[in-house]
Amino acid sequence: MSASGGTKAIVAALAANLAIAVAKFVAFIFSGSSSMLAESVHSLADSGNQGLLLLGGKKAQREATPQHPFGYGRERYIYAFLVSIVLFSVGGMFAIYEGYEKIHDPHPIEAWYWPVGVLVFAIIAETFSFRTAIKESNAIRGGLTWTQFVRRAKAPELPVVLLEDLGALVGLFLALGGVGLALLTGEGVWDGIGTLCIGVLLIVIAIVLALETKSLLLGEAAGLDDVKKIEDAIVDGETVTRLIHMRTLHLGPEELLVAAKIAVATDETAPQVANAINAAEERIRAAVPIARVIYLEPDIYDDTAAAAGANPAKSPGGSGH
């Protein structure tokens, strides 16, 4: 996994979640708080998710094979999608079930100092993890807002860790609120309500992650900036006179496929056209280094045919120019 994959953020989140999961479960044993049980399962699920992200990054590094000629870069998208499923089923649904049970059969919290102390510790640990993820993301998000970064990032790991850590922090405050109200009022039902809120929060985050990773799995084009760089790099004004149409596709976070039909001068020989295509490929790779798979098809541009209604947007390759 490349640096942009946020390995440091994943490892930090994994270490924090493992420690927090153990602490929360111990607090549940001594206090009987359903919020603590839900939160311990949440942290355990998050730990598994970070393991899945690391595994996906490792498997994505495999060399291309005859059966998978474009490599395994999309493995990272598959494992990120699995994370959303785990978060939904193990984290969210379990918390909703546990909250429902506690609301219908409330009981007071015992040894209140255990859940309160563990929640404070967990908030500190999750803040450290969240801070690491923010720092890693700031290094690559440029001028994008956080919403834009989560929606447009081609590497799924950092958006996943960011949303997980954000959900964990909000969930911890919900748990703290539920435990606090249960202690103040003597009504254990508040602990159940806090648990139920945690479950709803986790399901919402899981749905957001599923939608974003689904888009990556289906195949996303290069970002607008990279598309513009590629378009500018293709045409040399001599042999390559026009970009007729183009398509781009992310084969993985750091691997881009470019397929384009280009117009060449009518008086050029085959060797000249071949040399022009090779030169155009070099310019594309210099402008956008992740453009590793490039297919350029030479053609003769016909203004009359173009005016007659050709619609390049319907064919693989791109928007008309």
Foldseek 3Di string as FASTA:
>chain_A
DDLLLLLVLLVLLLVLLVVLLVLLVVLCVQWVQLLSVLLSQLSVLSNVLSVLLVVLVVQQPDAADPVRNLGRQLSNLVSLLVSLVSLQPRRQVVLQVSLVVCLVPPDATHPLCSLVVSLVVSLVSLVVSLVSLVVSQVVPVPPDDPVCCCQPQQNNNSNSSNLSSVLSNVLSVLQVQLNVVCVVVVIRNSSSVSSNVSSVSSNVSSVVSNVRSVVSVVWDFDDPVLVVQLLVLLAPCAFFNHWFFKTKTDPHSLAIEIETETEGDPPDDPVVNVVSRVSSVVSSCVSRVNDPHYHYHYDHDDPVVVVVDDACCVDHGHHGD
